[in-house]
Amino acid sequence: MKKILLVEDDNNLGAILSEFLAFKGFEVSRHINGEDAWKAFNSDKYDICIIDIMMPRMDGFTLAKKIRTAGNVPFLFLTAKSMIEDKIEGFKLGADDYITKPFSMEELMMRINAILNRYNNAAINGSATLGKYVFNYDERILKTEDNIKKLTAKEADLLKILFDNKNKVVEKQFILKKIWGEDSYFAARSMDVYVSKLRNYLKDDNSIEISTLYGTGIKLIVK
C-alpha cells in the first residue's frame, strides 16, 4: 500500500481528500500545518507528498524545500493560487506537479499515478526506458544495445525534465530557470543548442521526437 503525506489546512477539503485517497487504496497521513507535517515526514516513510502552499506554522514552499533536501520523495502542490510566479517557484523547489483548486478528484488521481509511475520507472537500477534507449540520469548515460553515450550535466538535466513530463509541453521559462538559473536571450540560445544535441542523440528511434513549440515550450513525444 502506497503511503501519502497530505498537508491541507482546510479541514473539509482535507477530510474529503483523505477519504477519496483511502478509497483508492492509499494509506493517508493528514496534517493541517507544515510543522506537524515535517515531524511526520521525519518519523515515517512516504511514497508521495501532497502539499498546500498557504498554511500556518510553516508554509508549503518551506516544507517542500525541507522535504526535497531530505531525500528523493516526490511531491505536488495543492493550492488556490494560480499565479505563474508561484508555479515557477514551486518547480524551482523540485515539485513534480502543481494542481490548482478547484480540481476534480480524478484529475488529482491521474497526476498522482503519473508521478508514481515516473519514480517507479526511474528506480529500476537507476534507469528508465525511453524507446530503444535506456536513460540513467544519475550516471548521465543514454545507451542502446550497442552504444553508450555519456551526457553532460545540462544534457542529462534537460532530458530528465522532458522525460519526467513526456508527451506534455514543458514551458521554456521553467526549463531555463531550473537548469540555467535565468531566462535571458543567451540562456535561451544555449538551451536551443542542447535541444538539438538531444535530438541528434535520439534520432535512431522514430518513435521519439522532441518538438519545439515556439513561444510556448518543448515536448518530448514518445509514440
N, C-alpha and C. Protein backbone atom coordinates (compact mmCIF):
# COMPACT_ATOMS: atom_id res chain seq x y z
N MET A 1 0.84 -1.19 0.00
CA MET A 1 0.00 0.00 0.00
C MET A 1 0.88 1.25 0.00
N LYS A 2 0.67 2.14 -0.97
CA LYS A 2 1.43 3.38 -1.05
C LYS A 2 0.97 4.34 0.04
N LYS A 3 1.92 5.08 0.59
CA LYS A 3 1.61 5.98 1.70
C LYS A 3 1.76 7.43 1.26
N ILE A 4 0.74 8.23 1.58
CA ILE A 4 0.71 9.64 1.19
C ILE A 4 0.76 10.54 2.42
N LEU A 5 1.61 11.55 2.35
CA LEU A 5 1.60 12.61 3.35
C LEU A 5 0.76 13.74 2.78
N LEU A 6 -0.40 13.99 3.37
CA LEU A 6 -1.32 15.02 2.90
C LEU A 6 -1.29 16.20 3.87
N VAL A 7 -0.97 17.39 3.34
CA VAL A 7 -0.89 18.58 4.18
C VAL A 7 -1.86 19.62 3.63
N GLU A 8 -2.98 19.79 4.34
CA GLU A 8 -4.05 20.69 3.89
C GLU A 8 -4.73 21.27 5.12
N ASP A 9 -4.73 22.63 5.23
CA ASP A 9 -5.27 23.24 6.44
C ASP A 9 -6.78 23.43 6.40
N ASP A 10 -7.41 23.19 5.25
CA ASP A 10 -8.87 23.23 5.17
C ASP A 10 -9.40 21.87 5.63
N ASN A 11 -10.06 21.84 6.78
CA ASN A 11 -10.49 20.57 7.34
C ASN A 11 -11.48 19.83 6.45
N ASN A 12 -12.39 20.57 5.82
CA ASN A 12 -13.38 19.91 4.96
C ASN A 12 -12.72 19.27 3.75
N LEU A 13 -11.88 20.05 3.06
CA LEU A 13 -11.20 19.50 1.89
C LEU A 13 -10.25 18.39 2.29
N GLY A 14 -9.54 18.57 3.41
CA GLY A 14 -8.62 17.53 3.86
C GLY A 14 -9.33 16.22 4.14
N ALA A 15 -10.50 16.30 4.76
CA ALA A 15 -11.26 15.09 5.07
C ALA A 15 -11.74 14.40 3.80
N ILE A 16 -12.21 15.20 2.84
CA ILE A 16 -12.68 14.64 1.57
C ILE A 16 -11.54 13.97 0.82
N LEU A 17 -10.39 14.65 0.77
CA LEU A 17 -9.23 14.07 0.09
C LEU A 17 -8.78 12.79 0.77
N SER A 18 -8.73 12.79 2.07
CA SER A 18 -8.30 11.59 2.81
C SER A 18 -9.22 10.41 2.51
N GLU A 19 -10.51 10.67 2.53
CA GLU A 19 -11.47 9.59 2.28
C GLU A 19 -11.35 9.07 0.85
N PHE A 20 -11.19 10.00 -0.11
CA PHE A 20 -11.07 9.60 -1.51
C PHE A 20 -9.81 8.79 -1.75
N LEU A 21 -8.68 9.25 -1.23
CA LEU A 21 -7.41 8.56 -1.44
C LEU A 21 -7.39 7.20 -0.74
N ALA A 22 -8.01 7.12 0.43
CA ALA A 22 -8.11 5.83 1.12
C ALA A 22 -8.96 4.86 0.31
N PHE A 23 -10.02 5.38 -0.29
CA PHE A 23 -10.88 4.55 -1.15
C PHE A 23 -10.10 4.02 -2.35
N LYS A 24 -9.13 4.82 -2.83
CA LYS A 24 -8.31 4.43 -3.98
C LYS A 24 -7.16 3.51 -3.58
N GLY A 25 -7.06 3.19 -2.30
CA GLY A 25 -6.07 2.21 -1.86
C GLY A 25 -4.81 2.76 -1.24
N PHE A 26 -4.80 4.05 -0.93
CA PHE A 26 -3.63 4.65 -0.30
C PHE A 26 -3.79 4.70 1.22
N GLU A 27 -2.66 4.68 1.91
CA GLU A 27 -2.65 4.97 3.33
C GLU A 27 -2.31 6.45 3.47
N VAL A 28 -3.17 7.20 4.16
CA VAL A 28 -3.04 8.65 4.20
C VAL A 28 -2.71 9.14 5.61
N SER A 29 -1.67 9.97 5.69
CA SER A 29 -1.35 10.65 6.94
C SER A 29 -1.64 12.13 6.72
N ARG A 30 -2.70 12.66 7.36
CA ARG A 30 -3.16 14.03 7.09
C ARG A 30 -2.74 14.99 8.21
N HIS A 31 -2.29 16.19 7.80
CA HIS A 31 -1.88 17.21 8.75
C HIS A 31 -2.37 18.57 8.27
N ILE A 32 -2.54 19.51 9.22
CA ILE A 32 -3.13 20.79 8.87
C ILE A 32 -2.13 21.94 8.92
N ASN A 33 -0.88 21.67 9.22
CA ASN A 33 0.15 22.71 9.17
C ASN A 33 1.50 22.10 8.84
N GLY A 34 2.41 22.97 8.37
CA GLY A 34 3.70 22.49 7.91
C GLY A 34 4.58 21.90 8.98
N GLU A 35 4.52 22.43 10.18
CA GLU A 35 5.39 21.92 11.25
C GLU A 35 5.04 20.49 11.61
N ASP A 36 3.74 20.21 11.79
CA ASP A 36 3.33 18.83 12.12
C ASP A 36 3.65 17.88 10.97
N ALA A 37 3.47 18.36 9.75
CA ALA A 37 3.77 17.53 8.59
C ALA A 37 5.25 17.19 8.52
N TRP A 38 6.11 18.17 8.84
CA TRP A 38 7.55 17.93 8.81
C TRP A 38 7.96 16.90 9.85
N LYS A 39 7.34 16.96 11.03
CA LYS A 39 7.61 15.97 12.06
C LYS A 39 7.18 14.58 11.59
N ALA A 40 6.01 14.51 10.96
CA ALA A 40 5.51 13.23 10.45
C ALA A 40 6.42 12.68 9.36
N PHE A 41 6.91 13.57 8.50
CA PHE A 41 7.80 13.14 7.41
C PHE A 41 9.06 12.51 7.96
N ASN A 42 9.56 13.05 9.04
CA ASN A 42 10.80 12.54 9.62
C ASN A 42 10.61 11.28 10.47
N SER A 43 9.38 10.95 10.77
CA SER A 43 9.12 9.78 11.61
C SER A 43 8.59 8.58 10.83
N ASP A 44 8.41 8.74 9.52
CA ASP A 44 7.87 7.64 8.72
C ASP A 44 8.39 7.78 7.30
N LYS A 45 8.06 6.82 6.45
CA LYS A 45 8.46 6.84 5.04
C LYS A 45 7.21 7.01 4.19
N TYR A 46 7.29 7.89 3.20
CA TYR A 46 6.15 8.18 2.34
C TYR A 46 6.54 8.00 0.87
N ASP A 47 5.54 7.64 0.08
CA ASP A 47 5.76 7.46 -1.35
C ASP A 47 5.55 8.75 -2.12
N ILE A 48 4.70 9.65 -1.58
CA ILE A 48 4.43 10.92 -2.24
C ILE A 48 3.83 11.88 -1.22
N CYS A 49 4.06 13.17 -1.42
CA CYS A 49 3.51 14.20 -0.53
C CYS A 49 2.62 15.14 -1.34
N ILE A 50 1.47 15.48 -0.78
CA ILE A 50 0.56 16.46 -1.38
C ILE A 50 0.51 17.65 -0.44
N ILE A 51 0.95 18.81 -0.92
CA ILE A 51 1.20 19.93 -0.02
C ILE A 51 0.44 21.18 -0.46
N ASP A 52 -0.37 21.73 0.44
CA ASP A 52 -0.98 23.04 0.22
C ASP A 52 0.09 24.11 0.45
N ILE A 53 -0.01 25.23 -0.25
CA ILE A 53 1.02 26.27 -0.10
C ILE A 53 0.73 27.18 1.08
N MET A 54 -0.49 27.70 1.16
CA MET A 54 -0.82 28.64 2.22
C MET A 54 -1.26 27.89 3.46
N MET A 55 -0.34 27.78 4.43
CA MET A 55 -0.62 27.04 5.66
C MET A 55 -0.02 27.77 6.86
N PRO A 56 -0.57 27.54 8.05
CA PRO A 56 0.01 28.13 9.27
C PRO A 56 1.23 27.34 9.73
N ARG A 57 2.07 27.99 10.51
CA ARG A 57 3.20 27.36 11.20
C ARG A 57 4.20 26.68 10.27
N MET A 58 4.30 27.11 9.09
CA MET A 58 5.26 26.71 8.07
C MET A 58 4.50 26.57 6.75
N ASP A 59 4.83 27.44 5.81
CA ASP A 59 4.12 27.40 4.53
C ASP A 59 4.59 26.22 3.68
N GLY A 60 3.84 25.97 2.62
CA GLY A 60 4.13 24.81 1.78
C GLY A 60 5.47 24.87 1.08
N PHE A 61 5.90 26.06 0.64
CA PHE A 61 7.19 26.19 -0.01
C PHE A 61 8.33 25.80 0.94
N THR A 62 8.24 26.28 2.16
CA THR A 62 9.27 25.95 3.15
C THR A 62 9.30 24.46 3.43
N LEU A 63 8.13 23.87 3.60
CA LEU A 63 8.04 22.43 3.85
C LEU A 63 8.61 21.64 2.68
N ALA A 64 8.25 22.03 1.47
CA ALA A 64 8.73 21.33 0.28
C ALA A 64 10.25 21.40 0.16
N LYS A 65 10.81 22.55 0.48
CA LYS A 65 12.27 22.70 0.43
C LYS A 65 12.95 21.74 1.40
N LYS A 66 12.37 21.60 2.58
CA LYS A 66 12.92 20.67 3.57
C LYS A 66 12.80 19.22 3.08
N ILE A 67 11.65 18.89 2.50
CA ILE A 67 11.43 17.53 2.00
C ILE A 67 12.41 17.21 0.88
N ARG A 68 12.59 18.15 -0.05
CA ARG A 68 13.49 17.90 -1.17
C ARG A 68 14.93 17.76 -0.70
N THR A 69 15.31 18.54 0.29
CA THR A 69 16.67 18.45 0.84
C THR A 69 16.90 17.12 1.54
N ALA A 70 15.84 16.61 2.17
CA ALA A 70 15.96 15.39 2.97
C ALA A 70 16.01 14.11 2.14
N GLY A 71 15.51 14.15 0.93
CA GLY A 71 15.50 12.91 0.14
C GLY A 71 14.80 13.07 -1.18
N ASN A 72 14.59 11.94 -1.85
CA ASN A 72 14.03 11.94 -3.20
C ASN A 72 12.57 11.50 -3.18
N VAL A 73 11.77 12.12 -2.31
CA VAL A 73 10.35 11.80 -2.22
C VAL A 73 9.58 12.76 -3.11
N PRO A 74 8.78 12.28 -4.04
CA PRO A 74 8.05 13.19 -4.93
C PRO A 74 6.96 13.96 -4.20
N PHE A 75 6.65 15.16 -4.68
CA PHE A 75 5.57 15.93 -4.09
C PHE A 75 4.91 16.81 -5.15
N LEU A 76 3.64 17.10 -4.91
CA LEU A 76 2.93 18.05 -5.77
C LEU A 76 2.26 19.08 -4.89
N PHE A 77 2.12 20.29 -5.44
CA PHE A 77 1.49 21.36 -4.70
C PHE A 77 -0.01 21.39 -4.99
N LEU A 78 -0.76 21.63 -3.94
CA LEU A 78 -2.21 21.74 -3.99
C LEU A 78 -2.55 23.13 -3.48
N THR A 79 -3.08 24.00 -4.34
CA THR A 79 -3.22 25.39 -3.91
C THR A 79 -4.32 26.11 -4.67
N ALA A 80 -4.83 27.15 -4.05
CA ALA A 80 -5.82 28.01 -4.70
C ALA A 80 -5.14 29.09 -5.53
N LYS A 81 -3.83 29.23 -5.41
CA LYS A 81 -3.11 30.27 -6.13
C LYS A 81 -2.75 29.78 -7.53
N SER A 82 -2.93 30.64 -8.52
CA SER A 82 -2.67 30.23 -9.90
C SER A 82 -1.67 31.15 -10.59
N MET A 83 -1.00 32.03 -9.86
CA MET A 83 -0.03 32.93 -10.47
C MET A 83 1.15 32.14 -11.03
N ILE A 84 1.61 32.54 -12.22
CA ILE A 84 2.71 31.84 -12.85
C ILE A 84 3.97 31.90 -11.99
N GLU A 85 4.14 33.00 -11.22
CA GLU A 85 5.31 33.12 -10.36
C GLU A 85 5.32 32.03 -9.29
N ASP A 86 4.12 31.69 -8.78
CA ASP A 86 4.04 30.64 -7.77
C ASP A 86 4.38 29.29 -8.37
N LYS A 87 3.94 29.06 -9.60
CA LYS A 87 4.25 27.79 -10.26
C LYS A 87 5.75 27.66 -10.48
N ILE A 88 6.36 28.74 -10.95
CA ILE A 88 7.81 28.71 -11.18
C ILE A 88 8.55 28.45 -9.88
N GLU A 89 8.13 29.14 -8.82
CA GLU A 89 8.77 28.95 -7.51
C GLU A 89 8.63 27.50 -7.05
N GLY A 90 7.44 26.93 -7.25
CA GLY A 90 7.22 25.54 -6.85
C GLY A 90 8.11 24.58 -7.61
N PHE A 91 8.22 24.76 -8.92
CA PHE A 91 9.06 23.87 -9.71
C PHE A 91 10.54 24.08 -9.42
N LYS A 92 10.93 25.31 -9.09
CA LYS A 92 12.33 25.55 -8.71
C LYS A 92 12.69 24.78 -7.46
N LEU A 93 11.70 24.55 -6.60
CA LEU A 93 11.94 23.79 -5.37
C LEU A 93 11.95 22.28 -5.62
N GLY A 94 11.63 21.88 -6.86
CA GLY A 94 11.67 20.46 -7.20
C GLY A 94 10.32 19.79 -7.23
N ALA A 95 9.24 20.57 -7.28
CA ALA A 95 7.90 19.97 -7.32
C ALA A 95 7.74 19.10 -8.57
N ASP A 96 7.04 18.00 -8.41
CA ASP A 96 6.78 17.11 -9.54
C ASP A 96 5.53 17.51 -10.31
N ASP A 97 4.64 18.24 -9.66
CA ASP A 97 3.44 18.71 -10.33
C ASP A 97 2.79 19.79 -9.48
N TYR A 98 1.74 20.39 -10.02
CA TYR A 98 1.10 21.55 -9.41
C TYR A 98 -0.34 21.55 -9.86
N ILE A 99 -1.29 21.47 -8.94
CA ILE A 99 -2.70 21.45 -9.30
C ILE A 99 -3.42 22.57 -8.54
N THR A 100 -4.25 23.30 -9.26
CA THR A 100 -4.90 24.48 -8.70
C THR A 100 -6.36 24.19 -8.36
N LYS A 101 -6.77 24.61 -7.18
CA LYS A 101 -8.16 24.48 -6.77
C LYS A 101 -9.03 25.47 -7.56
N PRO A 102 -10.27 25.08 -7.91
CA PRO A 102 -10.88 23.77 -7.68
C PRO A 102 -10.41 22.76 -8.73
N PHE A 103 -10.43 21.49 -8.37
CA PHE A 103 -9.99 20.43 -9.28
C PHE A 103 -10.87 19.21 -9.05
N SER A 104 -10.85 18.31 -10.01
CA SER A 104 -11.60 17.06 -9.85
C SER A 104 -10.73 16.03 -9.16
N MET A 105 -11.35 15.17 -8.38
CA MET A 105 -10.60 14.12 -7.68
C MET A 105 -9.92 13.18 -8.67
N GLU A 106 -10.58 12.92 -9.78
CA GLU A 106 -9.99 12.01 -10.77
C GLU A 106 -8.76 12.63 -11.42
N GLU A 107 -8.78 13.96 -11.62
CA GLU A 107 -7.60 14.62 -12.16
C GLU A 107 -6.44 14.49 -11.18
N LEU A 108 -6.72 14.71 -9.90
CA LEU A 108 -5.68 14.55 -8.89
C LEU A 108 -5.13 13.13 -8.91
N MET A 109 -6.02 12.15 -9.03
CA MET A 109 -5.60 10.76 -9.03
C MET A 109 -4.70 10.46 -10.23
N MET A 110 -5.04 11.02 -11.39
CA MET A 110 -4.22 10.81 -12.59
C MET A 110 -2.83 11.41 -12.40
N ARG A 111 -2.76 12.58 -11.79
CA ARG A 111 -1.47 13.22 -11.57
C ARG A 111 -0.62 12.43 -10.57
N ILE A 112 -1.25 11.94 -9.51
CA ILE A 112 -0.53 11.12 -8.53
C ILE A 112 0.03 9.87 -9.17
N ASN A 113 -0.80 9.18 -9.95
CA ASN A 113 -0.35 7.95 -10.61
C ASN A 113 0.78 8.22 -11.59
N ALA A 114 0.69 9.34 -12.32
CA ALA A 114 1.74 9.68 -13.28
C ALA A 114 3.07 9.90 -12.57
N ILE A 115 3.03 10.61 -11.45
CA ILE A 115 4.26 10.86 -10.69
C ILE A 115 4.85 9.56 -10.16
N LEU A 116 4.00 8.71 -9.57
CA LEU A 116 4.48 7.45 -9.00
C LEU A 116 5.05 6.54 -10.09
N ASN A 117 4.42 6.55 -11.26
CA ASN A 117 4.92 5.73 -12.36
C ASN A 117 6.29 6.20 -12.82
N ARG A 118 6.48 7.52 -12.88
CA ARG A 118 7.78 8.05 -13.28
C ARG A 118 8.86 7.64 -12.30
N TYR A 119 8.57 7.75 -11.02
CA TYR A 119 9.56 7.40 -10.00
C TYR A 119 9.83 5.89 -9.97
N ASN A 120 8.78 5.10 -10.19
CA ASN A 120 8.97 3.64 -10.21
C ASN A 120 9.84 3.23 -11.38
N ASN A 121 9.63 3.85 -12.54
CA ASN A 121 10.44 3.52 -13.71
C ASN A 121 11.90 3.92 -13.48
N ALA A 122 12.11 5.09 -12.89
CA ALA A 122 13.47 5.56 -12.66
C ALA A 122 14.19 4.77 -11.58
N ALA A 123 13.42 4.12 -10.71
CA ALA A 123 14.02 3.39 -9.60
C ALA A 123 14.61 2.05 -10.01
N ILE A 124 14.27 1.57 -11.20
CA ILE A 124 14.77 0.28 -11.66
C ILE A 124 16.23 0.44 -12.09
N ASN A 125 17.13 0.01 -11.20
CA ASN A 125 18.56 0.12 -11.46
C ASN A 125 18.98 1.55 -11.77
N GLY A 126 18.23 2.52 -11.26
CA GLY A 126 18.56 3.90 -11.52
C GLY A 126 18.32 4.32 -12.95
N SER A 127 17.64 3.49 -13.72
CA SER A 127 17.46 3.75 -15.14
C SER A 127 15.99 3.71 -15.53
N ALA A 128 15.71 4.31 -16.68
CA ALA A 128 14.35 4.28 -17.22
C ALA A 128 14.43 4.05 -18.71
N THR A 129 13.42 3.38 -19.25
CA THR A 129 13.39 3.08 -20.68
C THR A 129 12.78 4.23 -21.45
N LEU A 130 13.43 4.60 -22.54
CA LEU A 130 12.94 5.65 -23.43
C LEU A 130 13.06 5.13 -24.86
N GLY A 131 11.96 4.54 -25.35
CA GLY A 131 12.00 3.92 -26.67
C GLY A 131 13.02 2.80 -26.68
N LYS A 132 13.96 2.85 -27.62
CA LYS A 132 15.01 1.82 -27.70
C LYS A 132 16.19 2.14 -26.78
N TYR A 133 16.12 3.25 -26.08
CA TYR A 133 17.21 3.70 -25.23
C TYR A 133 16.95 3.39 -23.76
N VAL A 134 18.03 3.36 -22.99
CA VAL A 134 17.95 3.31 -21.53
C VAL A 134 18.63 4.58 -21.03
N PHE A 135 17.91 5.35 -20.24
CA PHE A 135 18.42 6.61 -19.72
C PHE A 135 18.68 6.48 -18.24
N ASN A 136 19.94 6.69 -17.84
CA ASN A 136 20.32 6.69 -16.43
C ASN A 136 20.75 8.10 -16.07
N TYR A 137 19.87 8.80 -15.36
CA TYR A 137 20.15 10.20 -15.02
C TYR A 137 21.32 10.32 -14.05
N ASP A 138 21.36 9.47 -13.02
CA ASP A 138 22.40 9.57 -12.00
C ASP A 138 23.80 9.41 -12.61
N GLU A 139 23.92 8.49 -13.58
CA GLU A 139 25.22 8.25 -14.20
C GLU A 139 25.41 9.07 -15.47
N ARG A 140 24.38 9.82 -15.87
CA ARG A 140 24.41 10.64 -17.08
C ARG A 140 24.74 9.80 -18.31
N ILE A 141 23.97 8.73 -18.47
CA ILE A 141 24.22 7.80 -19.57
C ILE A 141 22.93 7.59 -20.37
N LEU A 142 23.08 7.59 -21.69
CA LEU A 142 22.00 7.23 -22.60
C LEU A 142 22.55 6.11 -23.48
N LYS A 143 21.93 4.94 -23.40
CA LYS A 143 22.53 3.81 -24.11
C LYS A 143 21.50 2.96 -24.86
N THR A 144 22.01 2.26 -25.88
CA THR A 144 21.26 1.24 -26.59
C THR A 144 22.03 -0.06 -26.42
N GLU A 145 21.60 -1.09 -27.13
CA GLU A 145 22.28 -2.39 -27.00
C GLU A 145 23.72 -2.32 -27.47
N ASP A 146 24.01 -1.42 -28.42
CA ASP A 146 25.37 -1.40 -28.98
C ASP A 146 26.07 -0.05 -28.87
N ASN A 147 25.52 0.85 -28.07
CA ASN A 147 26.17 2.16 -27.95
C ASN A 147 25.86 2.80 -26.59
N ILE A 148 26.86 3.45 -26.03
CA ILE A 148 26.71 4.18 -24.77
C ILE A 148 27.14 5.62 -25.00
N LYS A 149 26.24 6.55 -24.70
CA LYS A 149 26.54 7.97 -24.83
C LYS A 149 26.61 8.60 -23.45
N LYS A 150 27.76 9.19 -23.13
CA LYS A 150 27.93 9.89 -21.86
C LYS A 150 27.42 11.32 -22.02
N LEU A 151 26.47 11.71 -21.18
CA LEU A 151 25.86 13.04 -21.28
C LEU A 151 26.55 14.04 -20.36
N THR A 152 26.50 15.29 -20.76
CA THR A 152 26.95 16.35 -19.87
C THR A 152 25.87 16.58 -18.80
N ALA A 153 26.20 17.37 -17.79
CA ALA A 153 25.23 17.63 -16.72
C ALA A 153 23.98 18.31 -17.26
N LYS A 154 24.15 19.33 -18.11
CA LYS A 154 23.00 20.03 -18.66
C LYS A 154 22.18 19.14 -19.60
N GLU A 155 22.86 18.31 -20.38
CA GLU A 155 22.14 17.38 -21.27
C GLU A 155 21.28 16.42 -20.45
N ALA A 156 21.85 15.89 -19.37
CA ALA A 156 21.12 14.96 -18.51
C ALA A 156 19.96 15.66 -17.81
N ASP A 157 20.20 16.88 -17.33
CA ASP A 157 19.13 17.62 -16.65
C ASP A 157 17.98 17.93 -17.60
N LEU A 158 18.31 18.36 -18.81
CA LEU A 158 17.28 18.69 -19.79
C LEU A 158 16.49 17.45 -20.18
N LEU A 159 17.19 16.35 -20.44
CA LEU A 159 16.49 15.12 -20.83
C LEU A 159 15.61 14.61 -19.69
N LYS A 160 16.05 14.76 -18.47
CA LYS A 160 15.25 14.30 -17.32
C LYS A 160 13.96 15.10 -17.20
N ILE A 161 14.06 16.42 -17.35
CA ILE A 161 12.85 17.24 -17.27
C ILE A 161 11.87 16.84 -18.37
N LEU A 162 12.36 16.66 -19.58
CA LEU A 162 11.48 16.28 -20.69
C LEU A 162 10.93 14.88 -20.49
N PHE A 163 11.77 13.97 -19.99
CA PHE A 163 11.32 12.60 -19.76
C PHE A 163 10.25 12.54 -18.67
N ASP A 164 10.46 13.28 -17.59
CA ASP A 164 9.50 13.28 -16.49
C ASP A 164 8.16 13.87 -16.90
N ASN A 165 8.17 14.63 -17.99
CA ASN A 165 6.94 15.26 -18.48
C ASN A 165 6.63 14.84 -19.91
N LYS A 166 7.02 13.62 -20.27
CA LYS A 166 6.87 13.19 -21.65
C LYS A 166 5.43 13.27 -22.12
N ASN A 167 5.30 13.67 -23.38
CA ASN A 167 4.00 13.90 -24.04
C ASN A 167 3.24 15.09 -23.45
N LYS A 168 3.97 15.95 -22.69
CA LYS A 168 3.39 17.19 -22.19
C LYS A 168 4.34 18.34 -22.54
N VAL A 169 3.77 19.51 -22.76
CA VAL A 169 4.60 20.68 -23.06
C VAL A 169 5.21 21.21 -21.76
N VAL A 170 6.52 21.40 -21.77
CA VAL A 170 7.22 21.99 -20.63
C VAL A 170 7.57 23.42 -21.01
N GLU A 171 7.16 24.38 -20.21
CA GLU A 171 7.41 25.78 -20.52
C GLU A 171 8.92 26.07 -20.58
N LYS A 172 9.31 26.82 -21.62
CA LYS A 172 10.72 27.17 -21.77
C LYS A 172 11.23 27.94 -20.56
N GLN A 173 10.40 28.83 -20.05
CA GLN A 173 10.82 29.64 -18.91
C GLN A 173 11.16 28.77 -17.71
N PHE A 174 10.37 27.71 -17.50
CA PHE A 174 10.64 26.80 -16.40
C PHE A 174 11.97 26.08 -16.59
N ILE A 175 12.23 25.59 -17.80
CA ILE A 175 13.48 24.88 -18.08
C ILE A 175 14.68 25.81 -17.87
N LEU A 176 14.57 27.02 -18.38
CA LEU A 176 15.68 27.97 -18.25
C LEU A 176 15.97 28.29 -16.79
N LYS A 177 14.91 28.54 -16.01
CA LYS A 177 15.10 28.84 -14.59
C LYS A 177 15.67 27.64 -13.85
N LYS A 178 15.21 26.44 -14.20
CA LYS A 178 15.60 25.23 -13.50
C LYS A 178 17.06 24.85 -13.78
N ILE A 179 17.49 24.96 -15.05
CA ILE A 179 18.81 24.47 -15.43
C ILE A 179 19.84 25.60 -15.55
N TRP A 180 19.43 26.70 -16.20
CA TRP A 180 20.38 27.79 -16.43
C TRP A 180 20.32 28.86 -15.34
N GLY A 181 19.25 28.86 -14.56
CA GLY A 181 19.12 29.83 -13.49
C GLY A 181 18.68 31.20 -13.94
N GLU A 182 18.36 31.35 -15.23
CA GLU A 182 17.90 32.62 -15.78
C GLU A 182 17.17 32.35 -17.09
N ASP A 183 16.38 33.34 -17.53
CA ASP A 183 15.67 33.17 -18.80
C ASP A 183 16.07 34.26 -19.80
N SER A 184 17.35 34.57 -19.84
CA SER A 184 17.88 35.59 -20.74
C SER A 184 17.93 35.07 -22.18
N TYR A 185 18.18 35.99 -23.10
CA TYR A 185 18.28 35.63 -24.51
C TYR A 185 19.40 34.62 -24.74
N PHE A 186 20.55 34.85 -24.10
CA PHE A 186 21.70 33.97 -24.33
C PHE A 186 21.47 32.59 -23.72
N ALA A 187 20.79 32.54 -22.58
CA ALA A 187 20.44 31.23 -21.99
C ALA A 187 19.49 30.49 -22.90
N ALA A 188 18.55 31.20 -23.50
CA ALA A 188 17.59 30.57 -24.41
C ALA A 188 18.29 30.00 -25.63
N ARG A 189 19.27 30.74 -26.16
CA ARG A 189 20.01 30.23 -27.32
C ARG A 189 20.83 28.99 -26.94
N SER A 190 21.39 29.02 -25.74
CA SER A 190 22.14 27.86 -25.25
C SER A 190 21.21 26.65 -25.13
N MET A 191 20.02 26.87 -24.61
CA MET A 191 19.06 25.77 -24.48
C MET A 191 18.72 25.18 -25.85
N ASP A 192 18.58 26.04 -26.85
CA ASP A 192 18.27 25.55 -28.20
C ASP A 192 19.36 24.60 -28.69
N VAL A 193 20.61 24.93 -28.37
CA VAL A 193 21.73 24.08 -28.77
C VAL A 193 21.62 22.71 -28.10
N TYR A 194 21.28 22.70 -26.82
CA TYR A 194 21.17 21.43 -26.10
C TYR A 194 19.99 20.61 -26.59
N VAL A 195 18.91 21.26 -26.96
CA VAL A 195 17.77 20.54 -27.53
C VAL A 195 18.18 19.86 -28.83
N SER A 196 18.94 20.56 -29.65
CA SER A 196 19.43 19.98 -30.91
C SER A 196 20.32 18.78 -30.65
N LYS A 197 21.17 18.89 -29.63
CA LYS A 197 22.04 17.77 -29.28
C LYS A 197 21.22 16.53 -28.89
N LEU A 198 20.21 16.73 -28.06
CA LEU A 198 19.38 15.60 -27.64
C LEU A 198 18.64 14.99 -28.83
N ARG A 199 18.17 15.84 -29.73
CA ARG A 199 17.50 15.32 -30.94
C ARG A 199 18.46 14.40 -31.71
N ASN A 200 19.71 14.82 -31.81
CA ASN A 200 20.70 14.03 -32.53
C ASN A 200 20.98 12.70 -31.83
N TYR A 201 21.03 12.73 -30.49
CA TYR A 201 21.28 11.50 -29.74
C TYR A 201 20.14 10.50 -29.89
N LEU A 202 18.92 11.02 -30.06
CA LEU A 202 17.72 10.15 -30.10
C LEU A 202 17.22 9.89 -31.52
N LYS A 203 17.97 10.29 -32.52
CA LYS A 203 17.49 10.27 -33.90
C LYS A 203 17.26 8.86 -34.46
N ASP A 204 17.88 7.84 -33.86
CA ASP A 204 17.76 6.48 -34.40
C ASP A 204 16.46 5.79 -34.01
N ASP A 205 15.63 6.43 -33.22
CA ASP A 205 14.34 5.85 -32.83
C ASP A 205 13.23 6.77 -33.32
N ASN A 206 12.49 6.31 -34.34
CA ASN A 206 11.44 7.14 -34.94
C ASN A 206 10.22 7.31 -34.03
N SER A 207 10.16 6.56 -32.93
CA SER A 207 9.03 6.68 -32.02
C SER A 207 9.23 7.81 -31.01
N ILE A 208 10.40 8.47 -31.09
CA ILE A 208 10.73 9.54 -30.16
C ILE A 208 10.94 10.83 -30.94
N GLU A 209 10.36 11.90 -30.45
CA GLU A 209 10.52 13.20 -31.11
C GLU A 209 10.56 14.31 -30.05
N ILE A 210 11.47 15.24 -30.23
CA ILE A 210 11.49 16.43 -29.38
C ILE A 210 10.95 17.58 -30.20
N SER A 211 9.79 18.07 -29.81
CA SER A 211 9.09 19.11 -30.56
C SER A 211 9.21 20.44 -29.84
N THR A 212 9.56 21.48 -30.59
CA THR A 212 9.66 22.83 -30.03
C THR A 212 8.44 23.63 -30.46
N LEU A 213 7.69 24.14 -29.50
CA LEU A 213 6.54 24.98 -29.78
C LEU A 213 6.98 26.41 -29.52
N TYR A 214 7.26 27.13 -30.57
CA TYR A 214 7.86 28.46 -30.45
C TYR A 214 6.97 29.39 -29.63
N GLY A 215 7.61 30.02 -28.64
CA GLY A 215 6.90 30.92 -27.77
C GLY A 215 6.16 30.22 -26.64
N THR A 216 6.19 28.88 -26.65
CA THR A 216 5.45 28.13 -25.62
C THR A 216 6.37 27.24 -24.80
N GLY A 217 6.88 26.18 -25.45
CA GLY A 217 7.71 25.25 -24.69
C GLY A 217 8.24 24.12 -25.54
N ILE A 218 8.63 23.05 -24.88
CA ILE A 218 9.25 21.90 -25.53
C ILE A 218 8.52 20.64 -25.07
N LYS A 219 8.33 19.72 -26.00
CA LYS A 219 7.63 18.48 -25.66
C LYS A 219 8.44 17.28 -26.15
N LEU A 220 8.64 16.31 -25.26
CA LEU A 220 9.22 15.03 -25.64
C LEU A 220 8.07 14.10 -25.99
N ILE A 221 7.95 13.76 -27.25
CA ILE A 221 6.85 12.91 -27.72
C ILE A 221 7.35 11.48 -27.81
N VAL A 222 6.69 10.58 -27.10
CA VAL A 222 7.00 9.16 -27.15
C VAL A 222 5.77 8.44 -27.66
N LYS A 223 5.87 7.90 -28.86
CA LYS A 223 4.70 7.29 -29.53
C LYS A 223 4.50 5.85 -29.07
